[in-house]
Amino acid sequence: QLQLVESGGGLVQAGGSLRLSCAASGSIFRIALMGWYRQAPGKQRELVATLNRAGSTNYANAVQGRFTISRDNAKNTVYLQMNSLKPEDTAVYYCNANMVTLNYWGQGTQVTVSS
């Protein structure tokens, strides 16, 4: 079973930056799709960004041009660089590993952006 541990969340002022990390307990090299999702209070969990095994990325319109997803296979870690943060980016951010037949989630890390 794959375990995912997120880190890097915190409190930041609007316009600031944070980098989230997702450390996997095993190899991520062959995982079909790694992704970041977020859930704000009272809202459903939504996709933020995904990165497939071939290196193709997909971003939610709300974060396009501000967030960047990347992976370091040697470290079994996926990152989410978040720039120009806005108060509406406040949420719990979750890491996801989609292995087609299996789907894993981390415990989440809180990101709070103050205005």
PDB file of N, CA and C in Angstrom:
ATOM      1  N   GLN A   1       0.836  -1.188   0.000  1.00  0.00           N
ATOM      2  CA  GLN A   1       0.000   0.000   0.000  1.00  0.00           C
ATOM      3  C   GLN A   1       0.879   1.249   0.000  1.00  0.00           C
ATOM      4  N   LEU A   2       0.548   2.186  -0.844  1.00  0.00           N
ATOM      5  CA  LEU A   2       1.328   3.408  -0.961  1.00  0.00           C
ATOM      6  C   LEU A   2       0.843   4.434   0.044  1.00  0.00           C
ATOM      7  N   GLN A   3       1.767   5.052   0.752  1.00  0.00           N
ATOM      8  CA  GLN A   3       1.425   6.135   1.666  1.00  0.00           C
ATOM      9  C   GLN A   3       1.948   7.453   1.107  1.00  0.00           C
ATOM     10  N   LEU A   4       1.130   8.482   1.236  1.00  0.00           N
ATOM     11  CA  LEU A   4       1.490   9.818   0.757  1.00  0.00           C
ATOM     12  C   LEU A   4       1.454  10.788   1.928  1.00  0.00           C
ATOM     13  N   VAL A   5       2.501  11.581   2.068  1.00  0.00           N
ATOM     14  CA  VAL A   5       2.580  12.537   3.164  1.00  0.00           C
ATOM     15  C   VAL A   5       2.857  13.924   2.595  1.00  0.00           C
ATOM     16  N   GLU A   6       1.895  14.819   2.785  1.00  0.00           N
ATOM     17  CA  GLU A   6       2.044  16.192   2.312  1.00  0.00           C
ATOM     18  C   GLU A   6       2.721  17.060   3.379  1.00  0.00           C
ATOM     19  N   SER A   7       3.412  18.079   2.915  1.00  0.00           N
ATOM     20  CA  SER A   7       4.016  19.061   3.805  1.00  0.00           C
ATOM     21  C   SER A   7       4.172  20.369   3.049  1.00  0.00           C
ATOM     22  N   GLY A   8       4.469  21.420   3.792  1.00  0.00           N
ATOM     23  CA  GLY A   8       4.733  22.707   3.162  1.00  0.00           C
ATOM     24  C   GLY A   8       3.611  23.721   3.258  1.00  0.00           C
ATOM     25  N   GLY A   9       2.492  23.318   3.809  1.00  0.00           N
ATOM     26  CA  GLY A   9       1.398  24.266   3.964  1.00  0.00           C
ATOM     27  C   GLY A   9       1.693  25.274   5.053  1.00  0.00           C
ATOM     28  N   GLY A  10       0.824  26.264   5.150  1.00  0.00           N
ATOM     29  CA  GLY A  10       0.995  27.279   6.174  1.00  0.00           C
ATOM     30  C   GLY A  10       0.181  28.515   5.888  1.00  0.00           C
ATOM     31  N   LEU A  11       0.513  29.566   6.610  1.00  0.00           N
ATOM     32  CA  LEU A  11      -0.167  30.857   6.474  1.00  0.00           C
ATOM     33  C   LEU A  11       0.723  31.799   5.670  1.00  0.00           C
ATOM     34  N   VAL A  12       0.151  32.413   4.643  1.00  0.00           N
ATOM     35  CA  VAL A  12       0.913  33.321   3.796  1.00  0.00           C
ATOM     36  C   VAL A  12       0.020  34.487   3.397  1.00  0.00           C
ATOM     37  N   GLN A  13       0.619  35.637   3.165  1.00  0.00           N
ATOM     38  CA  GLN A  13      -0.144  36.795   2.720  1.00  0.00           C
ATOM     39  C   GLN A  13      -0.451  36.687   1.230  1.00  0.00           C
ATOM     40  N   ALA A  14      -1.505  37.333   0.827  1.00  0.00           N
ATOM     41  CA  ALA A  14      -1.855  37.365  -0.591  1.00  0.00           C
ATOM     42  C   ALA A  14      -0.674  37.892  -1.401  1.00  0.00           C
ATOM     43  N   GLY A  15      -0.436  37.241  -2.529  1.00  0.00           N
ATOM     44  CA  GLY A  15       0.703  37.584  -3.365  1.00  0.00           C
ATOM     45  C   GLY A  15       1.955  36.772  -3.065  1.00  0.00           C
ATOM     46  N   GLY A  16       1.930  36.047  -1.968  1.00  0.00           N
ATOM     47  CA  GLY A  16       3.080  35.251  -1.575  1.00  0.00           C
ATOM     48  C   GLY A  16       3.134  33.902  -2.262  1.00  0.00           C
ATOM     49  N   SER A  17       4.114  33.102  -1.844  1.00  0.00           N
ATOM     50  CA  SER A  17       4.341  31.788  -2.468  1.00  0.00           C
ATOM     51  C   SER A  17       4.514  30.714  -1.404  1.00  0.00           C
ATOM     52  N   LEU A  18       4.161  29.512  -1.792  1.00  0.00           N
ATOM     53  CA  LEU A  18       4.417  28.329  -0.977  1.00  0.00           C
ATOM     54  C   LEU A  18       4.770  27.177  -1.917  1.00  0.00           C
ATOM     55  N   ARG A  19       5.544  26.236  -1.413  1.00  0.00           N
ATOM     56  CA  ARG A  19       5.787  25.008  -2.173  1.00  0.00           C
ATOM     57  C   ARG A  19       5.347  23.815  -1.328  1.00  0.00           C
ATOM     58  N   LEU A  20       4.395  23.080  -1.842  1.00  0.00           N
ATOM     59  CA  LEU A  20       3.929  21.870  -1.183  1.00  0.00           C
ATOM     60  C   LEU A  20       4.722  20.672  -1.687  1.00  0.00           C
ATOM     61  N   SER A  21       4.960  19.735  -0.783  1.00  0.00           N
ATOM     62  CA  SER A  21       5.637  18.491  -1.148  1.00  0.00           C
ATOM     63  C   SER A  21       4.750  17.309  -0.798  1.00  0.00           C
ATOM     64  N   CYS A  22       4.842  16.274  -1.588  1.00  0.00           N
ATOM     65  CA  CYS A  22       4.117  15.024  -1.341  1.00  0.00           C
ATOM     66  C   CYS A  22       5.127  13.900  -1.442  1.00  0.00           C
ATOM     67  N   ALA A  23       5.481  13.332  -0.310  1.00  0.00           N
ATOM     68  CA  ALA A  23       6.458  12.250  -0.274  1.00  0.00           C
ATOM     69  C   ALA A  23       5.743  10.906  -0.264  1.00  0.00           C
ATOM     70  N   ALA A  24       6.107  10.057  -1.203  1.00  0.00           N
ATOM     71  CA  ALA A  24       5.483   8.739  -1.303  1.00  0.00           C
ATOM     72  C   ALA A  24       6.363   7.690  -0.626  1.00  0.00           C
ATOM     73  N   SER A  25       5.711   6.665  -0.089  1.00  0.00           N
ATOM     74  CA  SER A  25       6.453   5.615   0.622  1.00  0.00           C
ATOM     75  C   SER A  25       7.103   4.625  -0.337  1.00  0.00           C
ATOM     76  N   GLY A  26       6.723   4.699  -1.604  1.00  0.00           N
ATOM     77  CA  GLY A  26       7.304   3.822  -2.605  1.00  0.00           C
ATOM     78  C   GLY A  26       7.578   4.564  -3.889  1.00  0.00           C
ATOM     79  N   SER A  27       8.008   3.837  -4.886  1.00  0.00           N
ATOM     80  CA  SER A  27       8.358   4.452  -6.156  1.00  0.00           C
ATOM     81  C   SER A  27       7.137   5.053  -6.843  1.00  0.00           C
ATOM     82  N   ILE A  28       7.327   6.253  -7.379  1.00  0.00           N
ATOM     83  CA  ILE A  28       6.252   6.901  -8.134  1.00  0.00           C
ATOM     84  C   ILE A  28       6.506   6.857  -9.626  1.00  0.00           C
ATOM     85  N   PHE A  29       7.605   6.208 -10.015  1.00  0.00           N
ATOM     86  CA  PHE A  29       8.030   6.227 -11.407  1.00  0.00           C
ATOM     87  C   PHE A  29       6.953   5.710 -12.349  1.00  0.00           C
ATOM     88  N   ARG A  30       6.262   4.641 -11.952  1.00  0.00           N
ATOM     89  CA  ARG A  30       5.283   4.029 -12.848  1.00  0.00           C
ATOM     90  C   ARG A  30       3.840   4.430 -12.539  1.00  0.00           C
ATOM     91  N   ILE A  31       3.661   5.349 -11.623  1.00  0.00           N
ATOM     92  CA  ILE A  31       2.295   5.774 -11.307  1.00  0.00           C
ATOM     93  C   ILE A  31       1.735   6.575 -12.467  1.00  0.00           C
ATOM     94  N   ALA A  32       0.536   6.201 -12.914  1.00  0.00           N
ATOM     95  CA  ALA A  32      -0.039   6.782 -14.116  1.00  0.00           C
ATOM     96  C   ALA A  32      -0.271   8.286 -13.985  1.00  0.00           C
ATOM     97  N   LEU A  33      -0.773   8.689 -12.834  1.00  0.00           N
ATOM     98  CA  LEU A  33      -1.150  10.093 -12.676  1.00  0.00           C
ATOM     99  C   LEU A  33      -0.976  10.517 -11.230  1.00  0.00           C
ATOM    100  N   MET A  34      -0.181  11.552 -11.025  1.00  0.00           N
ATOM    101  CA  MET A  34      -0.055  12.181  -9.710  1.00  0.00           C
ATOM    102  C   MET A  34      -0.777  13.511  -9.757  1.00  0.00           C
ATOM    103  N   GLY A  35      -1.399  13.863  -8.641  1.00  0.00           N
ATOM    104  CA  GLY A  35      -2.151  15.108  -8.680  1.00  0.00           C
ATOM    105  C   GLY A  35      -2.273  15.788  -7.328  1.00  0.00           C
ATOM    106  N   TRP A  36      -2.662  17.027  -7.393  1.00  0.00           N
ATOM    107  CA  TRP A  36      -2.999  17.823  -6.216  1.00  0.00           C
ATOM    108  C   TRP A  36      -4.459  18.242  -6.334  1.00  0.00           C
ATOM    109  N   TYR A  37      -5.162  18.102  -5.226  1.00  0.00           N
ATOM    110  CA  TYR A  37      -6.545  18.532  -5.131  1.00  0.00           C
ATOM    111  C   TYR A  37      -6.668  19.413  -3.901  1.00  0.00           C
ATOM    112  N   ARG A  38      -7.766  20.164  -3.824  1.00  0.00           N
ATOM    113  CA  ARG A  38      -7.973  20.979  -2.637  1.00  0.00           C
ATOM    114  C   ARG A  38      -9.445  21.002  -2.264  1.00  0.00           C
ATOM    115  N   GLN A  39      -9.668  21.263  -0.988  1.00  0.00           N
ATOM    116  CA  GLN A  39     -11.040  21.354  -0.491  1.00  0.00           C
ATOM    117  C   GLN A  39     -11.123  22.512   0.481  1.00  0.00           C
ATOM    118  N   ALA A  40     -11.936  23.480   0.105  1.00  0.00           N
ATOM    119  CA  ALA A  40     -12.188  24.630   0.960  1.00  0.00           C
ATOM    120  C   ALA A  40     -13.399  24.331   1.850  1.00  0.00           C
ATOM    121  N   PRO A  41     -13.526  25.035   2.986  1.00  0.00           N
ATOM    122  CA  PRO A  41     -14.654  24.778   3.887  1.00  0.00           C
ATOM    123  C   PRO A  41     -15.994  24.932   3.176  1.00  0.00           C
ATOM    124  N   GLY A  42     -16.845  23.934   3.317  1.00  0.00           N
ATOM    125  CA  GLY A  42     -18.164  23.989   2.720  1.00  0.00           C
ATOM    126  C   GLY A  42     -18.212  23.714   1.235  1.00  0.00           C
ATOM    127  N   LYS A  43     -17.078  23.348   0.657  1.00  0.00           N
ATOM    128  CA  LYS A  43     -17.035  23.086  -0.783  1.00  0.00           C
ATOM    129  C   LYS A  43     -16.547  21.664  -1.043  1.00  0.00           C
ATOM    130  N   GLN A  44     -16.801  21.213  -2.266  1.00  0.00           N
ATOM    131  CA  GLN A  44     -16.340  19.892  -2.657  1.00  0.00           C
ATOM    132  C   GLN A  44     -14.855  19.923  -2.995  1.00  0.00           C
ATOM    133  N   ARG A  45     -14.246  18.774  -2.898  1.00  0.00           N
ATOM    134  CA  ARG A  45     -12.844  18.651  -3.289  1.00  0.00           C
ATOM    135  C   ARG A  45     -12.743  18.869  -4.794  1.00  0.00           C
ATOM    136  N   GLU A  46     -11.739  19.653  -5.203  1.00  0.00           N
ATOM    137  CA  GLU A  46     -11.579  19.965  -6.610  1.00  0.00           C
ATOM    138  C   GLU A  46     -10.150  19.739  -7.063  1.00  0.00           C
ATOM    139  N   LEU A  47     -10.024  19.463  -8.341  1.00  0.00           N
ATOM    140  CA  LEU A  47      -8.709  19.261  -8.928  1.00  0.00           C
ATOM    141  C   LEU A  47      -7.945  20.568  -9.006  1.00  0.00           C
ATOM    142  N   VAL A  48      -6.666  20.516  -8.666  1.00  0.00           N
ATOM    143  CA  VAL A  48      -5.783  21.675  -8.805  1.00  0.00           C
ATOM    144  C   VAL A  48      -4.841  21.461  -9.988  1.00  0.00           C
ATOM    145  N   ALA A  49      -4.129  20.333  -9.964  1.00  0.00           N
ATOM    146  CA  ALA A  49      -3.165  20.054 -11.025  1.00  0.00           C
ATOM    147  C   ALA A  49      -2.855  18.567 -11.060  1.00  0.00           C
ATOM    148  N   THR A  50      -2.559  18.061 -12.254  1.00  0.00           N
ATOM    149  CA  THR A  50      -2.132  16.671 -12.408  1.00  0.00           C
ATOM    150  C   THR A  50      -0.910  16.602 -13.305  1.00  0.00           C
ATOM    151  N   LEU A  51      -0.187  15.506 -13.132  1.00  0.00           N
ATOM    152  CA  LEU A  51       1.034  15.273 -13.899  1.00  0.00           C
ATOM    153  C   LEU A  51       1.092  13.791 -14.207  1.00  0.00           C
ATOM    154  N   ASN A  52       1.108  13.446 -15.493  1.00  0.00           N
ATOM    155  CA  ASN A  52       1.110  12.022 -15.810  1.00  0.00           C
ATOM    156  C   ASN A  52       2.530  11.498 -15.984  1.00  0.00           C
ATOM    157  N   ARG A  53       2.607  10.213 -16.240  1.00  0.00           N
ATOM    158  CA  ARG A  53       3.910   9.538 -16.292  1.00  0.00           C
ATOM    159  C   ARG A  53       4.767  10.071 -17.428  1.00  0.00           C
ATOM    160  N   ALA A  54       4.118  10.553 -18.486  1.00  0.00           N
ATOM    161  CA  ALA A  54       4.852  11.092 -19.632  1.00  0.00           C
ATOM    162  C   ALA A  54       5.302  12.524 -19.426  1.00  0.00           C
ATOM    163  N   GLY A  55       4.842  13.138 -18.332  1.00  0.00           N
ATOM    164  CA  GLY A  55       5.257  14.502 -18.061  1.00  0.00           C
ATOM    165  C   GLY A  55       4.257  15.566 -18.458  1.00  0.00           C
ATOM    166  N   SER A  56       3.098  15.144 -18.952  1.00  0.00           N
ATOM    167  CA  SER A  56       2.076  16.122 -19.332  1.00  0.00           C
ATOM    168  C   SER A  56       1.338  16.617 -18.092  1.00  0.00           C
ATOM    169  N   THR A  57       1.038  17.896 -18.104  1.00  0.00           N
ATOM    170  CA  THR A  57       0.373  18.517 -16.956  1.00  0.00           C
ATOM    171  C   THR A  57      -1.012  19.034 -17.336  1.00  0.00           C
ATOM    172  N   ASN A  58      -1.822  19.167 -16.307  1.00  0.00           N
ATOM    173  CA  ASN A  58      -3.155  19.723 -16.470  1.00  0.00           C
ATOM    174  C   ASN A  58      -3.447  20.578 -15.235  1.00  0.00           C
ATOM    175  N   TYR A  59      -4.001  21.774 -15.460  1.00  0.00           N
ATOM    176  CA  TYR A  59      -4.257  22.688 -14.350  1.00  0.00           C
ATOM    177  C   TYR A  59      -5.706  23.164 -14.376  1.00  0.00           C
ATOM    178  N   ALA A  60      -6.220  23.402 -13.187  1.00  0.00           N
ATOM    179  CA  ALA A  60      -7.515  24.057 -13.092  1.00  0.00           C
ATOM    180  C   ALA A  60      -7.372  25.487 -13.602  1.00  0.00           C
ATOM    181  N   ASN A  61      -8.428  26.003 -14.203  1.00  0.00           N
ATOM    182  CA  ASN A  61      -8.375  27.361 -14.745  1.00  0.00           C
ATOM    183  C   ASN A  61      -8.002  28.378 -13.666  1.00  0.00           C
ATOM    184  N   ALA A  62      -8.456  28.137 -12.448  1.00  0.00           N
ATOM    185  CA  ALA A  62      -8.241  29.106 -11.373  1.00  0.00           C
ATOM    186  C   ALA A  62      -6.770  29.247 -10.977  1.00  0.00           C
ATOM    187  N   VAL A  63      -5.955  28.236 -11.307  1.00  0.00           N
ATOM    188  CA  VAL A  63      -4.548  28.283 -10.889  1.00  0.00           C
ATOM    189  C   VAL A  63      -3.586  28.331 -12.066  1.00  0.00           C
ATOM    190  N   GLN A  64      -4.126  28.238 -13.271  1.00  0.00           N
ATOM    191  CA  GLN A  64      -3.285  28.248 -14.472  1.00  0.00           C
ATOM    192  C   GLN A  64      -2.394  29.484 -14.488  1.00  0.00           C
ATOM    193  N   GLY A  65      -1.108  29.270 -14.708  1.00  0.00           N
ATOM    194  CA  GLY A  65      -0.165  30.367 -14.775  1.00  0.00           C
ATOM    195  C   GLY A  65       0.406  30.788 -13.430  1.00  0.00           C
ATOM    196  N   ARG A  66      -0.163  30.279 -12.344  1.00  0.00           N
ATOM    197  CA  ARG A  66       0.335  30.626 -10.998  1.00  0.00           C
ATOM    198  C   ARG A  66       0.941  29.416 -10.281  1.00  0.00           C
ATOM    199  N   PHE A  67       0.391  28.242 -10.552  1.00  0.00           N
ATOM    200  CA  PHE A  67       0.854  27.018  -9.885  1.00  0.00           C
ATOM    201  C   PHE A  67       1.608  26.146 -10.882  1.00  0.00           C
ATOM    202  N   THR A  68       2.589  25.396 -10.350  1.00  0.00           N
ATOM    203  CA  THR A  68       3.343  24.458 -11.175  1.00  0.00           C
ATOM    204  C   THR A  68       3.509  23.136 -10.441  1.00  0.00           C
ATOM    205  N   ILE A  69       3.115  22.059 -11.096  1.00  0.00           N
ATOM    206  CA  ILE A  69       3.290  20.729 -10.526  1.00  0.00           C
ATOM    207  C   ILE A  69       4.533  20.091 -11.140  1.00  0.00           C
ATOM    208  N   SER A  70       5.283  19.383 -10.306  1.00  0.00           N
ATOM    209  CA  SER A  70       6.480  18.708 -10.800  1.00  0.00           C
ATOM    210  C   SER A  70       6.720  17.453  -9.960  1.00  0.00           C
ATOM    211  N   ARG A  71       7.600  16.612 -10.443  1.00  0.00           N
ATOM    212  CA  ARG A  71       7.896  15.381  -9.710  1.00  0.00           C
ATOM    213  C   ARG A  71       9.383  15.103  -9.757  1.00  0.00           C
ATOM    214  N   ASP A  72       9.886  14.494  -8.692  1.00  0.00           N
ATOM    215  CA  ASP A  72      11.266  14.040  -8.637  1.00  0.00           C
ATOM    216  C   ASP A  72      11.198  12.535  -8.370  1.00  0.00           C
ATOM    217  N   ASN A  73      11.343  11.750  -9.409  1.00  0.00           N
ATOM    218  CA  ASN A  73      11.201  10.306  -9.264  1.00  0.00           C
ATOM    219  C   ASN A  73      12.266   9.712  -8.343  1.00  0.00           C
ATOM    220  N   ALA A  74      13.456  10.310  -8.345  1.00  0.00           N
ATOM    221  CA  ALA A  74      14.534   9.792  -7.504  1.00  0.00           C
ATOM    222  C   ALA A  74      14.197   9.940  -6.021  1.00  0.00           C
ATOM    223  N   LYS A  75      13.426  10.980  -5.703  1.00  0.00           N
ATOM    224  CA  LYS A  75      13.040  11.226  -4.315  1.00  0.00           C
ATOM    225  C   LYS A  75      11.619  10.757  -4.019  1.00  0.00           C
ATOM    226  N   ASN A  76      10.957  10.196  -5.024  1.00  0.00           N
ATOM    227  CA  ASN A  76       9.561   9.753  -4.856  1.00  0.00           C
ATOM    228  C   ASN A  76       8.690  10.869  -4.295  1.00  0.00           C
ATOM    229  N   THR A  77       8.860  12.047  -4.847  1.00  0.00           N
ATOM    230  CA  THR A  77       8.187  13.235  -4.325  1.00  0.00           C
ATOM    231  C   THR A  77       7.574  14.033  -5.467  1.00  0.00           C
ATOM    232  N   VAL A  78       6.385  14.549  -5.205  1.00  0.00           N
ATOM    233  CA  VAL A  78       5.683  15.444  -6.124  1.00  0.00           C
ATOM    234  C   VAL A  78       5.558  16.801  -5.439  1.00  0.00           C
ATOM    235  N   TYR A  79       5.721  17.850  -6.212  1.00  0.00           N
ATOM    236  CA  TYR A  79       5.691  19.206  -5.670  1.00  0.00           C
ATOM    237  C   TYR A  79       4.568  20.020  -6.302  1.00  0.00           C
ATOM    238  N   LEU A  80       4.145  21.031  -5.572  1.00  0.00           N
ATOM    239  CA  LEU A  80       3.226  22.022  -6.125  1.00  0.00           C
ATOM    240  C   LEU A  80       3.762  23.389  -5.724  1.00  0.00           C
ATOM    241  N   GLN A  81       4.341  24.078  -6.686  1.00  0.00           N
ATOM    242  CA  GLN A  81       4.815  25.441  -6.459  1.00  0.00           C
ATOM    243  C   GLN A  81       3.646  26.384  -6.677  1.00  0.00           C
ATOM    244  N   MET A  82       3.324  27.171  -5.664  1.00  0.00           N
ATOM    245  CA  MET A  82       2.170  28.070  -5.726  1.00  0.00           C
ATOM    246  C   MET A  82       2.661  29.502  -5.585  1.00  0.00           C
ATOM    247  N   ASN A  83       2.470  30.287  -6.625  1.00  0.00           N
ATOM    248  CA  ASN A  83       2.869  31.687  -6.632  1.00  0.00           C
ATOM    249  C   ASN A  83       1.647  32.586  -6.741  1.00  0.00           C
ATOM    250  N   SER A  84       1.839  33.846  -6.421  1.00  0.00           N
ATOM    251  CA  SER A  84       0.752  34.835  -6.522  1.00  0.00           C
ATOM    252  C   SER A  84      -0.511  34.323  -5.837  1.00  0.00           C
ATOM    253  N   LEU A  85      -0.347  33.845  -4.631  1.00  0.00           N
ATOM    254  CA  LEU A  85      -1.476  33.242  -3.922  1.00  0.00           C
ATOM    255  C   LEU A  85      -2.554  34.270  -3.624  1.00  0.00           C
ATOM    256  N   LYS A  86      -3.810  33.780  -3.654  1.00  0.00           N
ATOM    257  CA  LYS A  86      -4.976  34.617  -3.402  1.00  0.00           C
ATOM    258  C   LYS A  86      -5.745  34.041  -2.217  1.00  0.00           C
ATOM    259  N   PRO A  87      -6.534  34.875  -1.550  1.00  0.00           N
ATOM    260  CA  PRO A  87      -7.344  34.350  -0.430  1.00  0.00           C
ATOM    261  C   PRO A  87      -8.222  33.175  -0.845  1.00  0.00           C
ATOM    262  N   GLU A  88      -8.693  33.170  -2.081  1.00  0.00           N
ATOM    263  CA  GLU A  88      -9.548  32.062  -2.537  1.00  0.00           C
ATOM    264  C   GLU A  88      -8.781  30.758  -2.753  1.00  0.00           C
ATOM    265  N   ASP A  89      -7.461  30.797  -2.603  1.00  0.00           N
ATOM    266  CA  ASP A  89      -6.675  29.560  -2.658  1.00  0.00           C
ATOM    267  C   ASP A  89      -6.654  28.846  -1.301  1.00  0.00           C
ATOM    268  N   THR A  90      -7.226  29.478  -0.287  1.00  0.00           N
ATOM    269  CA  THR A  90      -7.274  28.879   1.043  1.00  0.00           C
ATOM    270  C   THR A  90      -8.052  27.576   1.007  1.00  0.00           C
ATOM    271  N   ALA A  91      -7.413  26.502   1.477  1.00  0.00           N
ATOM    272  CA  ALA A  91      -8.031  25.168   1.435  1.00  0.00           C
ATOM    273  C   ALA A  91      -7.071  24.159   2.061  1.00  0.00           C
ATOM    274  N   VAL A  92      -7.580  22.962   2.253  1.00  0.00           N
ATOM    275  CA  VAL A  92      -6.711  21.827   2.564  1.00  0.00           C
ATOM    276  C   VAL A  92      -6.305  21.209   1.229  1.00  0.00           C
ATOM    277  N   TYR A  93      -5.022  21.047   1.041  1.00  0.00           N
ATOM    278  CA  TYR A  93      -4.501  20.514  -0.210  1.00  0.00           C
ATOM    279  C   TYR A  93      -4.103  19.047  -0.016  1.00  0.00           C
ATOM    280  N   TYR A  94      -4.590  18.214  -0.942  1.00  0.00           N
ATOM    281  CA  TYR A  94      -4.371  16.772  -0.868  1.00  0.00           C
ATOM    282  C   TYR A  94      -3.565  16.291  -2.069  1.00  0.00           C
ATOM    283  N   CYS A  95      -2.670  15.376  -1.793  1.00  0.00           N
ATOM    284  CA  CYS A  95      -1.915  14.703  -2.842  1.00  0.00           C
ATOM    285  C   CYS A  95      -2.644  13.421  -3.232  1.00  0.00           C
ATOM    286  N   ASN A  96      -2.614  13.094  -4.501  1.00  0.00           N
ATOM    287  CA  ASN A  96      -3.286  11.897  -5.003  1.00  0.00           C
ATOM    288  C   ASN A  96      -2.383  11.123  -5.938  1.00  0.00           C
ATOM    289  N   ALA A  97      -2.440   9.794  -5.802  1.00  0.00           N
ATOM    290  CA  ALA A  97      -1.726   8.908  -6.723  1.00  0.00           C
ATOM    291  C   ALA A  97      -2.752   7.989  -7.360  1.00  0.00           C
ATOM    292  N   ASN A  98      -2.923   8.138  -8.659  1.00  0.00           N
ATOM    293  CA  ASN A  98      -3.907   7.347  -9.394  1.00  0.00           C
ATOM    294  C   ASN A  98      -3.179   6.250 -10.157  1.00  0.00           C
ATOM    295  N   MET A  99      -3.391   5.000  -9.702  1.00  0.00           N
ATOM    296  CA  MET A  99      -2.737   3.867 -10.337  1.00  0.00           C
ATOM    297  C   MET A  99      -3.733   3.054 -11.139  1.00  0.00           C
ATOM    298  N   VAL A 100      -4.764   3.716 -11.599  1.00  0.00           N
ATOM    299  CA  VAL A 100      -5.839   3.182 -12.440  1.00  0.00           C
ATOM    300  C   VAL A 100      -6.756   2.270 -11.627  1.00  0.00           C
ATOM    301  N   THR A 101      -6.227   1.171 -11.121  1.00  0.00           N
ATOM    302  CA  THR A 101      -7.074   0.271 -10.331  1.00  0.00           C
ATOM    303  C   THR A 101      -7.020   0.599  -8.845  1.00  0.00           C
ATOM    304  N   LEU A 102      -6.041   1.396  -8.463  1.00  0.00           N
ATOM    305  CA  LEU A 102      -5.903   1.804  -7.070  1.00  0.00           C
ATOM    306  C   LEU A 102      -5.748   3.312  -7.018  1.00  0.00           C
ATOM    307  N   ASN A 103      -6.261   3.905  -5.962  1.00  0.00           N
ATOM    308  CA  ASN A 103      -6.227   5.355  -5.814  1.00  0.00           C
ATOM    309  C   ASN A 103      -5.838   5.678  -4.377  1.00  0.00           C
ATOM    310  N   TYR A 104      -4.791   6.488  -4.208  1.00  0.00           N
ATOM    311  CA  TYR A 104      -4.308   6.799  -2.872  1.00  0.00           C
ATOM    312  C   TYR A 104      -4.370   8.297  -2.614  1.00  0.00           C
ATOM    313  N   TRP A 105      -4.629   8.639  -1.348  1.00  0.00           N
ATOM    314  CA  TRP A 105      -4.709  10.033  -0.920  1.00  0.00           C
ATOM    315  C   TRP A 105      -3.813  10.249   0.288  1.00  0.00           C
ATOM    316  N   GLY A 106      -3.250  11.456   0.386  1.00  0.00           N
ATOM    317  CA  GLY A 106      -2.553  11.857   1.579  1.00  0.00           C
ATOM    318  C   GLY A 106      -3.536  12.419   2.588  1.00  0.00           C
ATOM    319  N   GLN A 107      -3.013  12.852   3.729  1.00  0.00           N
ATOM    320  CA  GLN A 107      -3.879  13.344   4.814  1.00  0.00           C
ATOM    321  C   GLN A 107      -4.210  14.822   4.650  1.00  0.00           C
ATOM    322  N   GLY A 108      -3.504  15.490   3.767  1.00  0.00           N
ATOM    323  CA  GLY A 108      -3.777  16.896   3.502  1.00  0.00           C
ATOM    324  C   GLY A 108      -2.895  17.851   4.283  1.00  0.00           C
ATOM    325  N   THR A 109      -2.715  19.025   3.715  1.00  0.00           N
ATOM    326  CA  THR A 109      -1.967  20.086   4.389  1.00  0.00           C
ATOM    327  C   THR A 109      -2.720  21.397   4.197  1.00  0.00           C
ATOM    328  N   GLN A 110      -2.847  22.161   5.252  1.00  0.00           N
ATOM    329  CA  GLN A 110      -3.658  23.388   5.232  1.00  0.00           C
ATOM    330  C   GLN A 110      -2.864  24.539   4.619  1.00  0.00           C
ATOM    331  N   VAL A 111      -3.485  25.229   3.705  1.00  0.00           N
ATOM    332  CA  VAL A 111      -2.943  26.463   3.142  1.00  0.00           C
ATOM    333  C   VAL A 111      -3.935  27.574   3.433  1.00  0.00           C
ATOM    334  N   THR A 112      -3.459  28.623   4.078  1.00  0.00           N
ATOM    335  CA  THR A 112      -4.305  29.764   4.403  1.00  0.00           C
ATOM    336  C   THR A 112      -3.653  31.016   3.845  1.00  0.00           C
ATOM    337  N   VAL A 113      -4.398  31.732   3.022  1.00  0.00           N
ATOM    338  CA  VAL A 113      -3.899  32.956   2.405  1.00  0.00           C
ATOM    339  C   VAL A 113      -4.689  34.124   2.969  1.00  0.00           C
ATOM    340  N   SER A 114      -3.988  35.034   3.624  1.00  0.00           N
ATOM    341  CA  SER A 114      -4.644  36.190   4.219  1.00  0.00           C
ATOM    342  C   SER A 114      -4.641  37.371   3.252  1.00  0.00           C
ATOM    343  N   SER A 115      -5.663  38.179   3.350  1.00  0.00           N
ATOM    344  CA  SER A 115      -5.778  39.335   2.439  1.00  0.00           C
ATOM    345  C   SER A 115      -5.103  40.568   3.020  1.00  0.00           C
TER     346      SER A 115
END
